N, C-alpha and C. Protein backbone atom coordinates (compact mmCIF):
# COMPACT_ATOMS: atom_id res chain seq x y z
N MET A 1 246.48 129.70 84.68
CA MET A 1 246.74 128.30 83.87
C MET A 1 245.91 127.38 83.21
N THR A 2 246.78 127.03 81.61
CA THR A 2 246.28 126.88 80.52
C THR A 2 245.36 125.77 80.67
N LYS A 3 244.57 125.25 79.86
CA LYS A 3 243.47 124.35 79.64
C LYS A 3 244.70 122.82 79.97
N THR A 4 245.48 122.91 79.36
CA THR A 4 246.62 121.89 78.86
C THR A 4 247.04 121.07 80.29
N ASN A 5 247.58 122.54 80.80
CA ASN A 5 248.18 122.51 82.29
C ASN A 5 247.46 121.74 83.37
N VAL A 6 245.81 122.17 82.94
CA VAL A 6 245.03 121.45 84.32
C VAL A 6 244.71 120.07 83.46
N LEU A 7 244.79 119.96 82.47
CA LEU A 7 244.82 117.99 82.01
C LEU A 7 246.02 117.34 82.27
N LEU A 8 247.09 118.09 81.88
CA LEU A 8 248.51 116.85 81.95
C LEU A 8 248.28 115.96 83.37
N PRO A 9 248.38 117.00 84.89
CA PRO A 9 248.32 116.28 85.94
C PRO A 9 247.36 115.16 86.10
N LEU A 10 245.85 115.60 85.82
CA LEU A 10 244.74 113.86 85.84
C LEU A 10 245.43 113.31 84.79
N ALA A 11 246.09 113.20 83.54
CA ALA A 11 246.49 112.46 82.61
C ALA A 11 247.43 111.84 83.07
N LEU A 12 248.08 111.90 83.57
CA LEU A 12 249.73 111.78 84.46
C LEU A 12 249.28 110.64 85.57
N ALA A 13 248.47 110.98 86.22
CA ALA A 13 247.63 110.61 87.47
C ALA A 13 247.30 109.32 86.70
N ALA A 14 246.00 109.12 85.99
CA ALA A 14 245.25 108.03 85.20
C ALA A 14 246.16 107.26 84.72
N THR A 15 247.71 107.51 84.27
CA THR A 15 248.48 106.49 83.59
C THR A 15 249.76 106.02 84.21
N GLY A 16 250.07 107.07 85.51
CA GLY A 16 251.13 106.61 86.05
C GLY A 16 252.37 106.79 85.93
N LEU A 17 252.09 107.50 85.23
CA LEU A 17 253.71 108.67 84.28
C LEU A 17 254.09 109.90 85.27
N ALA A 18 255.57 110.04 85.49
CA ALA A 18 255.44 111.32 85.75
C ALA A 18 256.24 112.17 84.77
N ALA A 19 256.25 113.06 85.15
CA ALA A 19 257.57 113.76 83.54
C ALA A 19 259.23 114.65 84.52
N THR A 20 259.80 113.64 83.77
CA THR A 20 261.01 113.95 84.75
C THR A 20 261.92 114.48 83.62
N PRO A 21 262.44 115.24 83.97
CA PRO A 21 264.39 115.71 83.26
C PRO A 21 264.93 114.84 82.59
N ALA A 22 265.02 112.94 83.31
CA ALA A 22 265.76 112.52 82.85
C ALA A 22 264.67 112.14 81.77
N LEU A 23 263.96 111.87 81.00
CA LEU A 23 263.37 111.67 80.34
C LEU A 23 264.36 112.68 79.19
N ALA A 24 263.97 113.83 78.55
CA ALA A 24 264.77 114.42 77.49
C ALA A 24 266.17 114.15 77.87
N GLN A 25 267.26 113.76 79.05
CA GLN A 25 268.19 113.76 79.19
C GLN A 25 268.76 112.54 78.55
N GLU A 26 268.27 111.46 78.80
CA GLU A 26 268.40 110.07 78.18
C GLU A 26 268.41 110.29 76.47
N ASN A 27 267.71 110.95 75.81
CA ASN A 27 267.04 111.16 74.74
C ASN A 27 268.33 111.57 73.74
N TRP A 28 268.06 112.99 74.76
CA TRP A 28 268.81 114.59 73.68
C TRP A 28 270.15 115.21 74.60
N ALA A 29 270.41 114.71 75.74
CA ALA A 29 271.33 114.98 76.40
C ALA A 29 272.88 115.50 75.08
N GLY A 30 273.04 114.23 74.59
CA GLY A 30 274.44 114.84 73.47
C GLY A 30 273.82 115.26 72.56
N MET A 31 272.66 115.73 72.14
CA MET A 31 272.61 116.71 70.77
C MET A 31 272.97 117.56 70.81
N ASP A 32 273.69 118.24 70.25
CA ASP A 32 273.63 120.05 69.77
C ASP A 32 272.57 120.74 69.58
N ARG A 33 273.11 122.03 69.97
CA ARG A 33 271.44 122.43 69.94
C ARG A 33 270.90 123.02 69.01
N ASP A 34 271.63 123.46 67.47
CA ASP A 34 270.51 123.14 66.10
C ASP A 34 270.06 121.44 66.20
N THR A 35 270.51 120.41 66.15
CA THR A 35 270.09 119.22 66.14
C THR A 35 269.28 119.01 67.00
N LEU A 36 269.08 119.42 68.36
CA LEU A 36 267.84 118.97 69.35
C LEU A 36 266.84 120.14 68.78
N ARG A 37 267.10 121.86 68.51
CA ARG A 37 265.91 122.63 68.25
C ARG A 37 265.20 121.85 67.12
N GLY A 38 265.84 121.30 65.90
CA GLY A 38 264.89 120.63 64.70
C GLY A 38 264.13 119.76 65.77
N GLN A 39 265.07 118.44 66.07
CA GLN A 39 263.94 117.34 66.87
C GLN A 39 263.08 117.94 67.80
N VAL A 40 262.97 118.99 68.54
CA VAL A 40 261.85 119.71 68.98
C VAL A 40 260.79 120.47 68.04
N GLN A 41 261.56 121.21 67.21
CA GLN A 41 260.31 122.11 65.86
C GLN A 41 259.58 120.76 65.63
N GLN A 42 259.95 119.49 65.24
CA GLN A 42 259.23 118.19 64.31
C GLN A 42 257.97 118.22 65.16
N ARG A 43 258.61 117.79 66.71
CA ARG A 43 257.50 117.49 67.34
C ARG A 43 255.94 118.11 67.72
N TYR A 44 257.05 119.73 68.01
CA TYR A 44 255.91 120.67 67.60
C TYR A 44 254.77 120.51 66.41
N ASP A 45 255.13 121.05 65.54
CA ASP A 45 254.81 120.76 64.18
C ASP A 45 253.41 119.64 63.99
N ALA A 46 254.07 118.51 64.64
CA ALA A 46 253.40 117.55 64.38
C ALA A 46 252.51 117.15 65.70
N ALA A 47 252.13 118.16 67.13
CA ALA A 47 251.36 117.95 67.86
C ALA A 47 250.41 119.28 67.31
N LEU A 48 251.06 120.50 66.74
CA LEU A 48 250.01 121.19 65.88
C LEU A 48 248.96 121.04 65.37
N ALA A 49 249.58 119.99 64.41
CA ALA A 49 248.38 119.47 63.08
C ALA A 49 247.59 118.49 64.14
N ALA A 50 248.26 117.90 65.11
CA ALA A 50 246.95 116.59 65.54
C ALA A 50 245.94 117.64 66.70
N THR A 51 246.38 118.47 67.10
CA THR A 51 245.00 119.34 67.72
C THR A 51 243.93 119.73 66.87
N LEU A 52 244.61 120.38 65.29
CA LEU A 52 243.30 120.50 64.42
C LEU A 52 243.10 119.53 63.71
N ASP A 53 243.35 118.23 64.25
CA ASP A 53 242.93 117.12 63.36
C ASP A 53 241.23 116.72 63.37
N PRO A 54 240.68 116.67 63.10
CA PRO A 54 239.42 116.88 63.52
C PRO A 54 239.28 114.91 64.18
N ALA A 55 239.69 113.83 63.72
CA ALA A 55 240.39 112.48 64.29
C ALA A 55 240.29 112.50 65.38
N TYR A 56 241.12 113.40 65.86
CA TYR A 56 241.60 113.61 67.37
C TYR A 56 240.30 114.43 68.31
N PHE A 57 240.46 115.42 67.86
CA PHE A 57 239.26 116.50 68.38
C PHE A 57 237.71 115.93 68.65
N ASN A 58 237.31 115.61 67.93
CA ASN A 58 235.85 115.10 67.86
C ASN A 58 235.62 113.71 68.14
N ALA A 59 236.65 112.82 68.97
CA ALA A 59 236.43 111.62 69.00
C ALA A 59 236.91 111.40 70.38
N ASN A 60 236.53 110.60 71.45
CA ASN A 60 236.97 110.26 72.77
C ASN A 60 238.15 109.81 72.54
N ASP A 61 239.70 110.57 72.66
CA ASP A 61 240.72 109.82 71.94
C ASP A 61 241.72 110.59 72.57
N PRO A 62 242.06 110.14 73.85
CA PRO A 62 243.48 110.73 75.15
C PRO A 62 244.48 111.01 73.85
N ARG A 63 244.48 110.99 72.88
CA ARG A 63 246.02 111.63 72.19
C ARG A 63 245.40 113.02 71.61
N TYR A 64 244.55 113.56 71.80
CA TYR A 64 244.43 114.79 71.79
C TYR A 64 244.73 115.83 73.17
N ILE A 65 244.47 115.27 74.08
CA ILE A 65 244.74 115.84 75.56
C ILE A 65 246.45 115.94 75.48
N TRP A 66 247.25 114.25 74.45
CA TRP A 66 248.89 114.54 74.81
C TRP A 66 249.10 115.51 73.64
N ALA A 67 248.78 115.63 72.50
CA ALA A 67 248.87 116.65 71.48
C ALA A 67 248.72 118.23 71.85
N SER A 68 247.62 118.37 72.34
CA SER A 68 247.68 119.48 73.00
C SER A 68 248.79 120.13 74.51
N GLU A 69 249.26 118.79 75.09
CA GLU A 69 250.30 119.45 75.85
C GLU A 69 251.46 119.38 75.03
N ALA A 70 251.86 118.37 73.94
CA ALA A 70 253.12 118.47 73.62
C ALA A 70 253.13 119.79 72.93
N LYS A 71 252.20 120.14 72.13
CA LYS A 71 252.33 121.67 71.70
C LYS A 71 252.89 122.62 72.85
N ALA A 72 251.90 122.66 73.80
CA ALA A 72 252.38 123.85 74.55
C ALA A 72 253.80 123.50 75.32
N GLN A 73 254.46 122.60 75.41
CA GLN A 73 255.51 122.22 76.39
C GLN A 73 256.83 122.49 74.96
N CYS A 74 256.41 121.67 73.87
CA CYS A 74 257.78 121.94 72.86
C CYS A 74 257.26 123.40 72.05
N GLY A 75 256.73 123.88 72.36
CA GLY A 75 256.59 125.49 72.23
C GLY A 75 257.48 126.32 73.22
N ILE A 76 257.48 126.08 74.65
CA ILE A 76 258.03 126.62 75.61
C ILE A 76 259.41 126.11 75.37
N ALA A 77 260.07 124.60 75.03
CA ALA A 77 261.04 124.44 74.81
C ALA A 77 261.91 125.46 73.59
N LEU A 78 261.49 125.47 72.66
CA LEU A 78 261.49 125.85 71.49
C LEU A 78 261.59 127.31 71.95
N GLY A 79 261.00 127.72 72.79
CA GLY A 79 261.72 129.79 73.04
C GLY A 79 262.34 129.77 73.66
N TYR A 80 262.85 128.74 74.69
CA TYR A 80 264.46 128.34 75.76
C TYR A 80 265.49 128.48 74.50
N LEU A 81 265.28 127.45 73.88
CA LEU A 81 266.58 126.79 72.61
C LEU A 81 266.59 128.19 71.85
N LYS A 82 265.97 129.05 71.26
CA LYS A 82 265.90 130.09 71.07
C LYS A 82 266.82 131.44 71.48
N SER A 83 266.77 131.44 72.46
CA SER A 83 267.59 131.93 73.03
C SER A 83 268.77 131.38 73.81
N ASN A 84 269.03 130.36 73.20
CA ASN A 84 270.42 129.65 73.49
C ASN A 84 270.23 128.62 75.06
N THR A 85 268.87 128.39 75.43
CA THR A 85 268.87 128.08 76.87
C THR A 85 267.86 126.54 76.95
N ARG A 86 269.13 125.66 77.48
CA ARG A 86 268.09 124.15 77.51
C ARG A 86 267.56 124.10 78.38
N ASP A 87 265.84 123.89 78.50
CA ASP A 87 264.98 123.89 80.07
C ASP A 87 264.91 122.59 80.12
N GLU A 88 265.30 121.54 81.02
CA GLU A 88 265.03 120.62 80.82
C GLU A 88 263.93 120.08 81.29
N VAL A 89 262.65 121.00 81.97
CA VAL A 89 261.80 120.41 82.24
C VAL A 89 260.62 120.53 81.13
N SER A 90 260.69 121.39 80.20
CA SER A 90 260.20 121.37 79.03
C SER A 90 260.63 120.28 78.19
N LEU A 91 261.79 120.34 77.90
CA LEU A 91 262.48 119.49 77.04
C LEU A 91 261.56 118.34 77.69
N SER A 92 261.76 117.41 78.60
CA SER A 92 261.01 116.29 79.39
C SER A 92 259.78 116.20 79.29
N LYS A 93 258.88 117.02 79.58
CA LYS A 93 257.58 117.70 79.02
C LYS A 93 257.15 117.20 77.70
N CYS A 94 257.96 117.91 76.56
CA CYS A 94 257.88 117.73 75.53
C CYS A 94 257.79 116.40 74.65
N TRP A 95 259.31 115.52 75.46
CA TRP A 95 259.34 114.60 75.25
C TRP A 95 258.13 113.66 75.28
N MET A 96 258.10 113.27 76.83
CA MET A 96 257.30 112.49 77.17
C MET A 96 255.50 112.46 76.60
N ALA A 97 255.19 114.29 76.15
CA ALA A 97 253.93 114.43 75.78
C ALA A 97 253.61 113.55 73.96
N TYR A 98 254.97 113.93 73.59
CA TYR A 98 254.32 113.55 71.73
C TYR A 98 254.51 112.04 72.20
N ASP A 99 255.20 111.54 73.04
CA ASP A 99 255.85 110.03 72.95
C ASP A 99 254.39 109.29 73.07
N ARG A 100 253.52 110.05 73.93
CA ARG A 100 252.21 109.44 74.34
C ARG A 100 251.17 110.04 73.56
N MET A 101 251.08 110.73 72.67
CA MET A 101 250.17 111.30 71.95
C MET A 101 250.80 110.08 70.47
N MET A 102 251.78 109.94 70.26
CA MET A 102 251.99 109.05 69.19
C MET A 102 251.35 107.70 69.84
N GLN A 103 251.20 107.01 70.79
CA GLN A 103 250.42 105.84 71.27
C GLN A 103 249.20 105.38 70.71
N VAL A 104 248.92 105.01 69.68
CA VAL A 104 247.37 104.64 69.75
C VAL A 104 246.53 103.72 70.14
N PRO A 105 246.09 104.46 70.73
CA PRO A 105 245.14 103.43 72.05
C PRO A 105 244.45 102.23 71.95
N GLN A 106 244.76 101.30 72.41
CA GLN A 106 243.99 100.01 72.59
C GLN A 106 242.54 100.06 72.40
N PRO A 107 242.00 99.09 71.71
CA PRO A 107 240.65 98.75 71.59
C PRO A 107 239.91 98.69 72.86
N ARG A 108 238.59 98.66 73.29
CA ARG A 108 238.42 98.28 74.60
C ARG A 108 237.93 96.87 74.19
N VAL A 109 238.08 95.87 75.04
CA VAL A 109 237.58 94.51 74.38
C VAL A 109 236.32 94.26 74.61
N VAL A 110 235.67 94.17 74.26
CA VAL A 110 234.19 93.61 75.09
C VAL A 110 234.04 92.21 75.40
N PRO A 111 234.25 91.85 76.69
CA PRO A 111 233.59 90.19 76.41
C PRO A 111 232.84 89.89 75.89
N ALA A 112 232.60 88.66 75.30
CA ALA A 112 231.70 87.83 75.11
C ALA A 112 230.27 87.60 75.80
N PRO A 113 229.21 87.62 75.56
CA PRO A 113 228.12 87.76 76.17
C PRO A 113 228.29 85.98 76.78
N GLU A 114 227.71 85.72 77.65
CA GLU A 114 227.61 84.61 78.47
C GLU A 114 226.78 83.42 77.31
N PRO A 115 226.80 82.30 76.73
CA PRO A 115 225.69 81.75 76.21
C PRO A 115 224.84 81.18 76.83
N THR A 116 223.51 81.58 76.34
CA THR A 116 221.83 80.77 77.18
C THR A 116 222.25 79.34 77.61
N PRO A 117 221.75 78.99 78.81
CA PRO A 117 221.93 77.76 78.98
C PRO A 117 220.84 76.54 78.49
N ALA A 118 221.06 76.04 77.78
CA ALA A 118 219.78 75.35 76.96
C ALA A 118 218.81 74.69 78.16
N PRO A 119 217.38 74.49 77.85
CA PRO A 119 216.83 74.35 78.85
C PRO A 119 216.61 72.52 78.86
N VAL A 120 216.10 72.38 80.31
CA VAL A 120 216.18 70.96 80.90
C VAL A 120 214.79 70.66 80.65
N CYS A 121 214.87 70.08 79.51
CA CYS A 121 213.50 69.50 79.27
C CYS A 121 212.74 68.03 79.72
N ASN A 122 212.49 68.22 80.68
CA ASN A 122 211.99 67.23 81.61
C ASN A 122 210.38 66.89 80.82
N ARG A 123 210.17 66.07 80.16
CA ARG A 123 208.82 65.54 79.55
C ARG A 123 208.22 65.26 80.36
N GLU A 124 209.07 64.09 80.65
CA GLU A 124 207.95 63.11 81.95
C GLU A 124 207.22 63.44 83.29
N LEU A 125 208.03 64.40 83.91
CA LEU A 125 207.14 65.49 84.76
C LEU A 125 207.99 66.56 85.24
N PRO A 126 207.53 67.86 84.04
CA PRO A 126 208.33 69.00 83.90
C PRO A 126 207.60 69.72 85.25
N GLY A 127 206.89 70.05 85.85
CA GLY A 127 206.35 70.58 87.46
C GLY A 127 205.72 69.75 88.16
N LEU A 128 206.12 69.75 89.71
CA LEU A 128 205.64 69.21 90.82
C LEU A 128 205.49 69.82 91.83
N ILE A 129 204.25 70.02 92.33
CA ILE A 129 204.20 71.39 93.15
C ILE A 129 203.17 71.03 94.41
N PHE A 130 203.08 70.76 95.70
CA PHE A 130 203.23 70.41 97.40
C PHE A 130 201.71 71.38 97.59
N PHE A 131 201.22 70.23 98.09
CA PHE A 131 200.12 71.38 99.32
C PHE A 131 200.32 70.76 100.22
N GLU A 132 199.85 72.17 101.54
CA GLU A 132 199.62 71.89 102.68
C GLU A 132 198.09 71.22 102.89
N PHE A 133 197.92 70.13 104.04
CA PHE A 133 197.33 69.66 104.56
C PHE A 133 195.66 70.02 104.35
N ASP A 134 194.73 69.67 103.56
CA ASP A 134 193.53 70.25 102.93
C ASP A 134 193.53 71.40 102.58
N SER A 135 194.65 71.73 101.90
CA SER A 135 194.86 73.21 101.01
C SER A 135 194.29 72.90 99.79
N ALA A 136 193.91 73.95 99.22
CA ALA A 136 193.87 73.75 97.55
C ALA A 136 194.88 75.41 97.08
N THR A 137 195.84 75.64 98.35
CA THR A 137 196.26 76.76 97.89
C THR A 137 197.50 76.35 97.45
N PRO A 138 198.05 76.87 96.36
CA PRO A 138 200.00 76.29 95.90
C PRO A 138 200.10 76.38 96.85
N GLY A 139 202.05 76.09 97.00
CA GLY A 139 202.45 76.56 97.69
C GLY A 139 203.62 77.95 97.62
N SER A 140 204.54 78.11 98.26
CA SER A 140 205.16 79.68 97.86
C SER A 140 206.42 79.18 97.05
N ASP A 141 206.67 77.77 96.38
CA ASP A 141 207.38 77.67 95.89
C ASP A 141 206.41 77.09 93.89
N ALA A 142 205.36 77.41 93.83
CA ALA A 142 204.55 77.03 92.79
C ALA A 142 204.86 77.99 92.03
N THR A 143 204.96 79.32 92.07
CA THR A 143 205.23 80.46 91.04
C THR A 143 205.88 80.19 89.97
N GLU A 144 207.44 79.38 90.56
CA GLU A 144 208.94 79.50 90.53
C GLU A 144 208.66 77.84 89.39
N ILE A 145 208.16 77.10 90.04
CA ILE A 145 207.55 76.19 89.32
C ILE A 145 207.27 76.26 87.55
N VAL A 146 205.84 77.01 87.93
CA VAL A 146 205.12 77.07 86.77
C VAL A 146 205.51 78.24 85.92
N GLN A 147 206.44 79.03 86.61
CA GLN A 147 207.28 80.03 85.58
C GLN A 147 208.66 78.95 84.58
N TYR A 148 209.17 77.83 85.26
CA TYR A 148 210.07 77.03 84.35
C TYR A 148 209.15 76.36 83.42
N VAL A 149 208.10 75.99 83.64
CA VAL A 149 207.48 75.35 82.76
C VAL A 149 207.25 75.99 81.62
N THR A 150 206.17 77.41 81.73
CA THR A 150 206.02 78.28 80.97
C THR A 150 207.31 79.24 80.15
N GLN A 151 208.59 78.85 80.56
CA GLN A 151 209.61 80.15 80.18
C GLN A 151 210.30 78.77 79.33
N ASN A 152 210.21 77.39 79.57
CA ASN A 152 210.97 76.58 78.59
C ASN A 152 210.20 75.56 77.55
N ALA A 153 208.22 76.33 77.65
CA ALA A 153 207.76 75.34 76.95
C ALA A 153 207.75 75.18 75.15
N ALA A 154 208.60 76.44 74.93
CA ALA A 154 208.24 76.83 73.18
C ALA A 154 209.93 76.00 72.95
N ALA A 155 211.02 75.94 73.65
CA ALA A 155 212.05 75.45 73.71
C ALA A 155 212.35 74.00 73.76
N CYS A 156 211.39 73.50 74.55
CA CYS A 156 211.36 72.05 74.66
C CYS A 156 210.12 71.66 73.88
N ASN A 157 209.38 72.10 72.70
CA ASN A 157 208.29 71.89 71.78
C ASN A 157 207.33 71.21 73.15
N TRP A 158 207.10 71.73 74.15
CA TRP A 158 206.02 71.75 74.91
C TRP A 158 204.61 71.88 74.51
N ARG A 159 203.57 71.35 73.62
CA ARG A 159 202.56 72.14 72.87
C ARG A 159 200.86 72.08 73.86
N SER A 160 201.31 71.24 74.91
CA SER A 160 199.70 70.69 75.88
C SER A 160 200.32 69.81 76.92
N PHE A 161 199.22 70.30 78.06
CA PHE A 161 199.50 69.56 79.30
C PHE A 161 198.54 69.51 79.82
N ASN A 162 198.34 68.20 81.03
CA ASN A 162 197.35 67.86 81.60
C ASN A 162 197.87 67.85 83.08
N VAL A 163 197.19 69.02 84.02
CA VAL A 163 197.53 69.26 85.34
C VAL A 163 196.55 68.25 85.98
N VAL A 164 197.37 67.28 86.65
CA VAL A 164 196.64 66.16 87.82
C VAL A 164 196.90 66.37 89.26
N GLY A 165 195.57 66.67 89.84
CA GLY A 165 195.52 66.92 91.01
C GLY A 165 195.61 65.83 91.68
N HIS A 166 196.70 65.38 93.17
CA HIS A 166 195.95 64.29 93.94
C HIS A 166 195.99 64.61 95.37
N THR A 167 196.02 64.01 96.06
CA THR A 167 195.61 64.00 97.85
C THR A 167 196.18 63.26 98.97
N ASP A 168 196.33 62.88 99.85
CA ASP A 168 196.74 62.28 100.50
C ASP A 168 195.66 61.20 100.83
N THR A 169 195.70 60.45 101.86
CA THR A 169 194.77 59.11 102.19
C THR A 169 193.59 59.70 103.35
N SER A 170 193.53 60.82 103.93
CA SER A 170 192.96 61.65 104.68
C SER A 170 191.68 61.85 104.43
N GLY A 171 190.90 61.76 105.00
CA GLY A 171 189.43 62.38 104.44
C GLY A 171 188.76 61.04 103.48
N SER A 172 187.64 61.46 103.43
CA SER A 172 186.81 60.22 102.02
C SER A 172 187.08 60.47 101.16
N ASN A 173 186.53 59.18 100.29
CA ASN A 173 187.09 59.29 98.96
C ASN A 173 186.52 60.44 97.85
N ALA A 174 185.07 60.80 98.26
CA ALA A 174 184.74 61.93 97.78
C ALA A 174 185.16 63.46 97.48
N TYR A 175 185.39 63.63 99.14
CA TYR A 175 186.26 64.69 99.22
C TYR A 175 187.68 65.04 98.91
N ASN A 176 188.26 64.06 99.17
CA ASN A 176 189.74 63.79 97.73
C ASN A 176 189.67 64.01 96.58
N LEU A 177 188.67 63.77 96.17
CA LEU A 177 188.74 63.63 94.57
C LEU A 177 188.17 65.25 94.24
N GLY A 178 187.13 65.66 95.45
CA GLY A 178 187.34 67.12 94.79
C GLY A 178 188.18 68.21 95.02
N LEU A 179 188.86 67.66 96.00
CA LEU A 179 190.15 67.96 96.77
C LEU A 179 191.25 68.37 95.33
N SER A 180 191.18 67.17 95.12
CA SER A 180 192.50 67.16 94.19
C SER A 180 191.78 67.90 92.98
N GLN A 181 190.78 67.96 92.29
CA GLN A 181 190.33 69.11 91.47
C GLN A 181 190.54 70.69 91.42
N ARG A 182 190.38 70.80 92.95
CA ARG A 182 190.52 72.24 93.08
C ARG A 182 191.78 72.89 93.11
N ARG A 183 192.61 71.79 93.23
CA ARG A 183 194.11 71.79 93.53
C ARG A 183 194.46 71.71 91.97
N ALA A 184 194.06 71.11 91.02
CA ALA A 184 194.71 71.06 89.70
C ALA A 184 193.98 72.29 89.04
N ASP A 185 192.77 72.88 89.61
CA ASP A 185 192.50 74.27 88.68
C ASP A 185 193.12 75.60 88.95
N ALA A 186 193.59 75.33 90.49
CA ALA A 186 194.82 76.22 91.20
C ALA A 186 196.19 76.54 89.96
N VAL A 187 196.17 75.29 89.79
CA VAL A 187 197.88 75.44 89.35
C VAL A 187 197.55 75.66 87.67
N ALA A 188 196.76 75.45 87.18
CA ALA A 188 196.27 75.47 85.76
C ALA A 188 196.15 77.26 85.97
N GLY A 189 195.49 78.17 86.34
CA GLY A 189 195.16 79.09 86.61
C GLY A 189 196.19 79.53 86.61
N LEU A 190 197.41 79.50 87.27
CA LEU A 190 198.49 79.90 87.58
C LEU A 190 199.45 79.92 86.33
N MET A 191 199.58 78.63 85.30
CA MET A 191 199.73 78.58 84.25
C MET A 191 199.23 79.59 83.00
N SER A 192 197.72 79.62 83.15
CA SER A 192 197.22 80.57 82.29
C SER A 192 198.29 81.82 82.68
N ALA A 193 197.88 82.28 84.23
CA ALA A 193 198.58 83.65 83.83
C ALA A 193 199.57 83.72 83.93
N GLN A 194 200.92 82.61 83.50
CA GLN A 194 201.85 83.23 82.70
C GLN A 194 202.02 83.11 81.67
N GLY A 195 200.81 83.00 80.64
CA GLY A 195 201.04 82.82 79.43
C GLY A 195 201.10 81.36 78.79
N ILE A 196 200.63 80.14 79.28
CA ILE A 196 199.61 79.26 78.78
C ILE A 196 198.64 79.39 78.35
N SER A 197 198.16 79.10 76.85
CA SER A 197 196.64 79.21 76.81
C SER A 197 195.75 78.09 77.01
N GLN A 198 194.35 78.90 77.29
CA GLN A 198 194.01 77.58 78.30
C GLN A 198 193.22 76.66 77.48
N SER A 199 193.54 77.11 76.09
CA SER A 199 193.18 75.67 75.65
C SER A 199 194.08 74.65 75.02
N ALA A 200 195.70 75.20 75.45
CA ALA A 200 196.44 74.09 76.03
C ALA A 200 196.45 73.27 77.42
N ILE A 201 196.00 73.68 78.41
CA ILE A 201 195.88 72.91 79.46
C ILE A 201 194.43 72.06 79.70
N SER A 202 194.30 71.15 80.17
CA SER A 202 193.06 70.11 80.86
C SER A 202 193.84 69.41 81.86
N THR A 203 192.61 69.56 82.92
CA THR A 203 192.66 69.01 84.24
C THR A 203 192.12 67.60 84.36
N SER A 204 192.86 67.15 85.46
CA SER A 204 192.09 65.82 85.97
C SER A 204 192.09 65.55 87.59
N ALA A 205 191.49 64.71 88.12
CA ALA A 205 191.54 64.58 89.13
C ALA A 205 191.85 62.96 90.34
N LYS A 206 192.70 62.41 90.74
CA LYS A 206 192.95 61.61 90.93
C LYS A 206 192.14 61.14 92.40
N GLY A 207 192.05 62.65 93.15
CA GLY A 207 191.83 61.86 94.48
C GLY A 207 192.69 61.22 95.30
N GLU A 208 192.69 60.13 96.05
CA GLU A 208 193.84 59.65 97.21
C GLU A 208 194.36 58.48 96.09
N GLU A 209 193.83 58.07 95.13
CA GLU A 209 193.87 57.12 94.20
C GLU A 209 195.19 56.54 93.78
N GLU A 210 196.03 57.43 93.75
CA GLU A 210 197.70 56.92 93.07
C GLU A 210 198.40 57.94 94.02
N PRO A 211 198.72 57.27 95.09
CA PRO A 211 199.91 57.95 96.18
C PRO A 211 201.17 58.04 95.71
N ARG A 212 202.02 58.92 95.63
CA ARG A 212 203.45 59.14 95.63
C ARG A 212 204.16 58.02 96.25
N VAL A 213 203.37 57.96 97.61
CA VAL A 213 204.27 57.50 99.12
C VAL A 213 202.88 56.56 99.13
N PRO A 214 202.62 54.91 98.98
CA PRO A 214 201.70 54.44 99.38
C PRO A 214 201.54 54.93 101.07
N THR A 215 200.62 54.57 101.67
CA THR A 215 200.48 54.62 102.91
C THR A 215 198.93 54.29 103.65
N ALA A 216 199.05 53.76 104.79
CA ALA A 216 197.38 53.40 104.99
C ALA A 216 196.40 54.54 105.34
N ASP A 217 195.06 54.38 105.09
CA ASP A 217 194.17 54.88 105.15
C ASP A 217 194.09 55.96 106.62
N GLY A 218 194.03 57.03 105.85
CA GLY A 218 193.61 58.27 106.94
C GLY A 218 195.19 58.94 107.19
N VAL A 219 196.13 58.31 106.62
CA VAL A 219 197.57 59.23 107.16
C VAL A 219 197.66 60.70 106.41
N ARG A 220 198.29 61.13 106.99
CA ARG A 220 198.90 62.70 106.28
C ARG A 220 200.17 62.34 105.73
N GLU A 221 200.19 62.47 104.35
CA GLU A 221 201.42 62.36 103.84
C GLU A 221 201.57 63.76 102.66
N LEU A 222 202.55 64.28 102.95
CA LEU A 222 202.66 65.95 102.00
C LEU A 222 203.14 65.28 100.65
N GLN A 223 203.68 64.39 100.17
CA GLN A 223 204.51 63.76 99.23
C GLN A 223 203.13 63.86 98.41
N ASN A 224 202.11 63.49 98.75
CA ASN A 224 200.94 62.61 98.32
C ASN A 224 199.84 63.90 98.16
N ARG A 225 199.72 65.26 98.59
CA ARG A 225 199.14 66.39 98.79
C ARG A 225 199.89 67.37 97.42
N ARG A 226 199.46 66.85 96.39
CA ARG A 226 200.17 67.32 94.76
C ARG A 226 199.76 67.59 93.70
N VAL A 227 200.28 68.40 92.71
CA VAL A 227 199.76 68.72 91.64
C VAL A 227 200.79 68.42 90.29
N GLU A 228 200.67 67.36 89.89
CA GLU A 228 201.85 67.18 88.43
C GLU A 228 201.14 67.64 87.31
N ILE A 229 202.40 68.28 86.81
CA ILE A 229 202.40 69.03 85.65
C ILE A 229 202.81 68.32 84.94
N LEU A 230 201.89 67.69 83.59
CA LEU A 230 202.58 66.72 82.63
C LEU A 230 202.10 67.02 80.81
N VAL A 231 203.38 66.67 80.40
CA VAL A 231 202.84 67.31 79.04
C VAL A 231 202.15 65.84 78.10
N ASN A 232 201.39 66.86 77.70
CA ASN A 232 200.38 65.47 76.59
C ASN A 232 201.14 64.98 75.26
N ASN A 233 201.85 65.72 74.71
CA ASN A 233 202.64 66.05 73.25
C ASN A 233 203.58 65.63 73.15
């Protein structure tokens, strides 16, 4: 079996086409033998030229496959016509392969990339991180929050930050002041690890003096155990 005879069924399967005698009969049934032979000869010559054209065989162009098949099938049909025989199968395949060879492949349309969403520049409070009771270890969502701040700093023109630690009212004022500072230092360390220059980060501690949710003394309140990342400039 020739190379083109192997490739044709694959190409036909890919396109959903089938070579049937009806194709040739529809177009050439009424032609006399000499006219038909001339039509087939023209297709054979064109297919032969295409198989020798570097623009076809040096590129990933399916027309080269169809040109090869048209050359083979039109050559077979010519052989039959020279012996005064109309072979409907080879005529049909000649017509079909030549028709496919002449169809210019449509360029593949590459979808445009999705536009990059504009950053959300929450200048008042770009980062808010909560802590467990009596802990200076940032919560599981702290890394994501810090990434948001660091990744949008340039686009939002955030050049320096104040990282402010807070506690709830459970515990003494002196203890809570130190705890809030440790919390601020922990978040500042995360920001530095994510690429924010240490010189652009200042920290401060408020202890229990500025609760997010006012409570009586000694009350454990998650909303108050927090670090706020503020933009200085």
